[in-house]
Structure formats: C-alpha cells, structure tokens
C-alpha cells in the first residue's frame, strides 16, 4: 500500500483555517465526505471525535493521524491538511500539530487499517518530509511532495 492509494489531490488542503481540534477535524471530514459520498461529513466527524475521546491521535513532532472505520468502504482513504499556525491537539509531546492525515478504513479486514496507519506513520516520521510539507503553501505541491517521498 502506498500513500498515493490513500490520498488524492482533491483531499488535500494547504491551509486549514481551524484553530481548534474540532474545526480541523470538521474540515477533514468534509474533504472526505465530499469526494467519497459514503457518509455525510457529520458522521465522519463523529467517528473522528469518538476516536479522539479514547486518546489523542497526535503522534508528536507536529503530526496527527485522526482515524476511524466506516461501513461501506472497500479500501482505506485519507485526507491531508496543513496548518501554518499549528493547532493544540493534546499531543504527547505537548507541541501543536501542523500536519494532519485523516484516515478512514473499512470495518474489516483489520489488516488494511493497520497497514494504512503504518504507511502514514512511516512517511511522516521523516523530519525532512515534515519540514517540506510545513513550508509548502499550495495544495498541489503538498500532494506532489507527499507522493514523491514514497518513492524513496
């Protein structure tokens, strides 16, 4: 599985306008709902909010991977968002989050969800990639940088 199988150019936003975790999650939910048509944005937002109640999906180093499972999906899908100001997201390291990849996976099989999380985490673990994504101000560039990195 590659990041280009998860994120599409239509599901990338270079500047998240939200200043709270709920606003950011709502924007990402709308990005996914607008293209997928599997569920309304509010249902997707509810999935993300419920997952956050279990514990923050901010993995540190300015990255969060909000995620959930959605009936009717055949494969995992994701949306990428960038915040130039950073958003408080209850990260373990206490730092604001600048990069968000919201992931939706089918209810089963579980391996698809775990593999998609692994692909995202592996890519965003790279400091040089995180820095390049944070410095980019155009959605198309964000997508190109992310996809180009999977080839390395």
C-alpha atoms as a PDB file:
ATOM      1  CA  UNK A   1       0.000   0.000   0.000  1.00  0.00           C
ATOM      2  CA  UNK A   2       1.248   3.463  -0.929  1.00  0.00           C
ATOM      3  CA  UNK A   3       0.266   6.943   0.212  1.00  0.00           C
ATOM      4  CA  UNK A   4      -0.889   7.672  -3.356  1.00  0.00           C
ATOM      5  CA  UNK A   5      -3.513   4.949  -2.890  1.00  0.00           C
ATOM      6  CA  UNK A   6      -4.835   6.758   0.185  1.00  0.00           C
ATOM      7  CA  UNK A   7      -4.684  10.478  -0.585  1.00  0.00           C
ATOM      8  CA  UNK A   8      -5.900  12.184  -3.772  1.00  0.00           C
ATOM      9  CA  UNK A   9      -5.248  15.777  -4.850  1.00  0.00           C
ATOM     10  CA  UNK A  10      -8.891  16.617  -4.118  1.00  0.00           C
ATOM     11  CA  UNK A  11      -8.407  15.571  -0.498  1.00  0.00           C
ATOM     12  CA  UNK A  12      -5.534  17.944   0.260  1.00  0.00           C
ATOM     13  CA  UNK A  13      -5.812  21.377   1.851  1.00  0.00           C
ATOM     14  CA  UNK A  14      -2.716  23.553   2.203  1.00  0.00           C
ATOM     15  CA  UNK A  15      -4.132  25.844   4.864  1.00  0.00           C
ATOM     16  CA  UNK A  16      -6.549  24.571   7.463  1.00  0.00           C
ATOM     17  CA  UNK A  17      -8.416  27.593   8.755  1.00  0.00           C
ATOM     18  CA  UNK A  18      -9.495  25.987  12.002  1.00  0.00           C
ATOM     19  CA  UNK A  19      -7.886  26.934  15.276  1.00  0.00           C
ATOM     20  CA  UNK A  20      -9.365  24.106  17.342  1.00  0.00           C
ATOM     21  CA  UNK A  21      -9.189  20.350  17.005  1.00  0.00           C
ATOM     22  CA  UNK A  22     -12.931  20.190  16.292  1.00  0.00           C
ATOM     23  CA  UNK A  23     -12.679  22.742  13.473  1.00  0.00           C
ATOM     24  CA  UNK A  24      -9.767  20.885  11.882  1.00  0.00           C
ATOM     25  CA  UNK A  25     -11.493  17.511  12.188  1.00  0.00           C
ATOM     26  CA  UNK A  26     -14.624  19.019  10.628  1.00  0.00           C
ATOM     27  CA  UNK A  27     -12.686  20.338   7.635  1.00  0.00           C
ATOM     28  CA  UNK A  28     -11.018  16.961   7.102  1.00  0.00           C
ATOM     29  CA  UNK A  29     -14.358  15.158   7.458  1.00  0.00           C
ATOM     30  CA  UNK A  30     -15.854  17.421   4.783  1.00  0.00           C
ATOM     31  CA  UNK A  31     -12.926  16.772   2.430  1.00  0.00           C
ATOM     32  CA  UNK A  32     -13.509  13.045   2.748  1.00  0.00           C
ATOM     33  CA  UNK A  33     -17.314  13.224   2.564  1.00  0.00           C
ATOM     34  CA  UNK A  34     -17.339  15.489  -0.496  1.00  0.00           C
ATOM     35  CA  UNK A  35     -15.392  13.030  -2.595  1.00  0.00           C
ATOM     36  CA  UNK A  36     -16.478   9.680  -1.149  1.00  0.00           C
ATOM     37  CA  UNK A  37     -20.244  10.085  -0.855  1.00  0.00           C
ATOM     38  CA  UNK A  38     -20.185   7.097   1.560  1.00  0.00           C
ATOM     39  CA  UNK A  39     -21.386   9.093   4.537  1.00  0.00           C
ATOM     40  CA  UNK A  40     -22.214  12.686   5.432  1.00  0.00           C
ATOM     41  CA  UNK A  41     -19.441  14.827   6.869  1.00  0.00           C
ATOM     42  CA  UNK A  42     -21.120  14.863  10.276  1.00  0.00           C
ATOM     43  CA  UNK A  43     -20.976  11.053  10.506  1.00  0.00           C
ATOM     44  CA  UNK A  44     -17.278  11.091   9.633  1.00  0.00           C
ATOM     45  CA  UNK A  45     -16.649  13.913  12.108  1.00  0.00           C
ATOM     46  CA  UNK A  46     -18.431  11.904  14.805  1.00  0.00           C
ATOM     47  CA  UNK A  47     -16.116   8.940  14.097  1.00  0.00           C
ATOM     48  CA  UNK A  48     -13.044  11.156  14.473  1.00  0.00           C
ATOM     49  CA  UNK A  49     -14.335  12.820  17.641  1.00  0.00           C
ATOM     50  CA  UNK A  50     -15.169   9.467  19.211  1.00  0.00           C
ATOM     51  CA  UNK A  51     -11.670   8.202  18.436  1.00  0.00           C
ATOM     52  CA  UNK A  52     -10.122  11.328  19.978  1.00  0.00           C
ATOM     53  CA  UNK A  53     -12.097  10.665  23.171  1.00  0.00           C
ATOM     54  CA  UNK A  54     -10.163   7.409  23.515  1.00  0.00           C
ATOM     55  CA  UNK A  55      -6.884   9.305  23.312  1.00  0.00           C
ATOM     56  CA  UNK A  56      -5.260  11.869  21.092  1.00  0.00           C
ATOM     57  CA  UNK A  57      -4.196  10.761  17.642  1.00  0.00           C
ATOM     58  CA  UNK A  58      -1.434  13.383  17.691  1.00  0.00           C
ATOM     59  CA  UNK A  59       1.707  11.280  17.417  1.00  0.00           C
ATOM     60  CA  UNK A  60       4.144  14.091  18.201  1.00  0.00           C
ATOM     61  CA  UNK A  61       6.558  16.147  16.105  1.00  0.00           C
ATOM     62  CA  UNK A  62       3.682  18.262  14.797  1.00  0.00           C
ATOM     63  CA  UNK A  63       1.718  15.336  13.315  1.00  0.00           C
ATOM     64  CA  UNK A  64      -1.750  13.894  13.955  1.00  0.00           C
ATOM     65  CA  UNK A  65      -3.425  10.929  12.307  1.00  0.00           C
ATOM     66  CA  UNK A  66      -7.114  11.079  13.206  1.00  0.00           C
ATOM     67  CA  UNK A  67      -8.768   7.897  12.044  1.00  0.00           C
ATOM     68  CA  UNK A  68     -11.897   5.794  12.103  1.00  0.00           C
ATOM     69  CA  UNK A  69     -13.746   2.917  10.480  1.00  0.00           C
ATOM     70  CA  UNK A  70     -16.626   3.451   8.087  1.00  0.00           C
ATOM     71  CA  UNK A  71     -19.096   0.880   6.792  1.00  0.00           C
ATOM     72  CA  UNK A  72     -19.289   0.590   3.031  1.00  0.00           C
ATOM     73  CA  UNK A  73     -15.700   1.469   2.251  1.00  0.00           C
ATOM     74  CA  UNK A  74     -13.802  -1.032   0.119  1.00  0.00           C
ATOM     75  CA  UNK A  75     -10.326   0.320   0.910  1.00  0.00           C
ATOM     76  CA  UNK A  76      -8.723   2.930   3.182  1.00  0.00           C
ATOM     77  CA  UNK A  77      -8.823   6.591   2.133  1.00  0.00           C
ATOM     78  CA  UNK A  78      -7.179   9.652   3.616  1.00  0.00           C
ATOM     79  CA  UNK A  79      -7.101  13.442   3.524  1.00  0.00           C
ATOM     80  CA  UNK A  80      -4.078  15.647   4.159  1.00  0.00           C
ATOM     81  CA  UNK A  81      -4.300  19.029   5.835  1.00  0.00           C
ATOM     82  CA  UNK A  82      -1.649  21.559   6.857  1.00  0.00           C
ATOM     83  CA  UNK A  83      -1.940  24.324   9.447  1.00  0.00           C
ATOM     84  CA  UNK A  84       0.698  27.041   9.307  1.00  0.00           C
ATOM     85  CA  UNK A  85      -0.229  28.259  12.819  1.00  0.00           C
ATOM     86  CA  UNK A  86      -0.463  24.855  14.444  1.00  0.00           C
ATOM     87  CA  UNK A  87      -3.382  23.503  16.441  1.00  0.00           C
ATOM     88  CA  UNK A  88      -3.483  22.282  20.024  1.00  0.00           C
ATOM     89  CA  UNK A  89      -4.321  18.594  19.735  1.00  0.00           C
ATOM     90  CA  UNK A  90      -3.265  17.120  23.091  1.00  0.00           C
ATOM     91  CA  UNK A  91      -0.092  15.654  21.602  1.00  0.00           C
ATOM     92  CA  UNK A  92       2.058  13.541  23.889  1.00  0.00           C
ATOM     93  CA  UNK A  93       4.978  15.915  23.357  1.00  0.00           C
ATOM     94  CA  UNK A  94       2.773  18.927  24.157  1.00  0.00           C
ATOM     95  CA  UNK A  95       3.556  20.558  20.804  1.00  0.00           C
ATOM     96  CA  UNK A  96       0.975  21.957  18.372  1.00  0.00           C
ATOM     97  CA  UNK A  97       0.050  19.926  15.306  1.00  0.00           C
ATOM     98  CA  UNK A  98       0.801  21.288  11.834  1.00  0.00           C
ATOM     99  CA  UNK A  99       0.215  18.230   9.657  1.00  0.00           C
ATOM    100  CA  UNK A 100      -2.908  16.106   9.708  1.00  0.00           C
ATOM    101  CA  UNK A 101      -3.649  12.967   7.740  1.00  0.00           C
ATOM    102  CA  UNK A 102      -7.193  11.827   8.446  1.00  0.00           C
ATOM    103  CA  UNK A 103      -7.743   8.152   7.646  1.00  0.00           C
ATOM    104  CA  UNK A 104     -10.931   6.208   7.074  1.00  0.00           C
ATOM    105  CA  UNK A 105     -10.822   2.430   6.693  1.00  0.00           C
ATOM    106  CA  UNK A 106     -13.383  -0.294   6.059  1.00  0.00           C
ATOM    107  CA  UNK A 107     -14.806  -2.070   9.090  1.00  0.00           C
ATOM    108  CA  UNK A 108     -12.911  -5.223   8.063  1.00  0.00           C
ATOM    109  CA  UNK A 109     -10.322  -6.534   7.498  1.00  0.00           C
ATOM    110  CA  UNK A 110      -8.323  -5.008  10.314  1.00  0.00           C
ATOM    111  CA  UNK A 111      -5.037  -5.505   8.453  1.00  0.00           C
ATOM    112  CA  UNK A 112      -5.980  -2.790   5.930  1.00  0.00           C
ATOM    113  CA  UNK A 113      -6.409  -0.215   8.682  1.00  0.00           C
ATOM    114  CA  UNK A 114      -3.178  -1.176  10.417  1.00  0.00           C
ATOM    115  CA  UNK A 115      -1.238  -1.165   7.148  1.00  0.00           C
ATOM    116  CA  UNK A 116      -2.588   2.271   6.174  1.00  0.00           C
ATOM    117  CA  UNK A 117      -1.661   3.706   9.581  1.00  0.00           C
ATOM    118  CA  UNK A 118       1.787   2.205   9.218  1.00  0.00           C
ATOM    119  CA  UNK A 119       2.323   3.746   5.763  1.00  0.00           C
ATOM    120  CA  UNK A 120       1.303   7.188   7.034  1.00  0.00           C
ATOM    121  CA  UNK A 121       3.335   6.951  10.213  1.00  0.00           C
ATOM    122  CA  UNK A 122       6.414   5.723   8.354  1.00  0.00           C
ATOM    123  CA  UNK A 123       6.331   8.637   5.903  1.00  0.00           C
ATOM    124  CA  UNK A 124       5.637  11.338   8.463  1.00  0.00           C
ATOM    125  CA  UNK A 125       8.363  10.034  10.734  1.00  0.00           C
ATOM    126  CA  UNK A 126      10.847  11.586   8.275  1.00  0.00           C
ATOM    127  CA  UNK A 127      11.851  15.028   9.514  1.00  0.00           C
ATOM    128  CA  UNK A 128      12.822  16.291   6.076  1.00  0.00           C
ATOM    129  CA  UNK A 129       9.391  15.415   4.700  1.00  0.00           C
ATOM    130  CA  UNK A 130       7.594  17.049   7.622  1.00  0.00           C
ATOM    131  CA  UNK A 131       9.622  20.220   7.120  1.00  0.00           C
ATOM    132  CA  UNK A 132       8.953  20.328   3.382  1.00  0.00           C
ATOM    133  CA  UNK A 133       5.231  19.806   3.913  1.00  0.00           C
ATOM    134  CA  UNK A 134       5.093  22.518   6.578  1.00  0.00           C
ATOM    135  CA  UNK A 135       6.839  25.008   4.275  1.00  0.00           C
ATOM    136  CA  UNK A 136       4.566  24.369   1.284  1.00  0.00           C
ATOM    137  CA  UNK A 137       1.626  26.708   0.802  1.00  0.00           C
ATOM    138  CA  UNK A 138      -0.141  25.117  -2.180  1.00  0.00           C
ATOM    139  CA  UNK A 139      -2.320  22.020  -2.069  1.00  0.00           C
ATOM    140  CA  UNK A 140      -0.993  20.620  -5.350  1.00  0.00           C
ATOM    141  CA  UNK A 141       2.574  20.956  -4.071  1.00  0.00           C
ATOM    142  CA  UNK A 142       1.680  19.231  -0.803  1.00  0.00           C
ATOM    143  CA  UNK A 143       0.325  16.281  -2.728  1.00  0.00           C
ATOM    144  CA  UNK A 144       3.316  16.074  -5.074  1.00  0.00           C
ATOM    145  CA  UNK A 145       5.814  16.235  -2.197  1.00  0.00           C
ATOM    146  CA  UNK A 146       3.969  13.537  -0.240  1.00  0.00           C
ATOM    147  CA  UNK A 147       3.684  11.167  -3.202  1.00  0.00           C
ATOM    148  CA  UNK A 148       7.272  11.760  -4.342  1.00  0.00           C
ATOM    149  CA  UNK A 149       8.510  10.782  -0.884  1.00  0.00           C
ATOM    150  CA  UNK A 150       7.016   7.290  -1.112  1.00  0.00           C
ATOM    151  CA  UNK A 151       9.470   6.537  -3.918  1.00  0.00           C
ATOM    152  CA  UNK A 152      12.443   6.968  -1.542  1.00  0.00           C
END
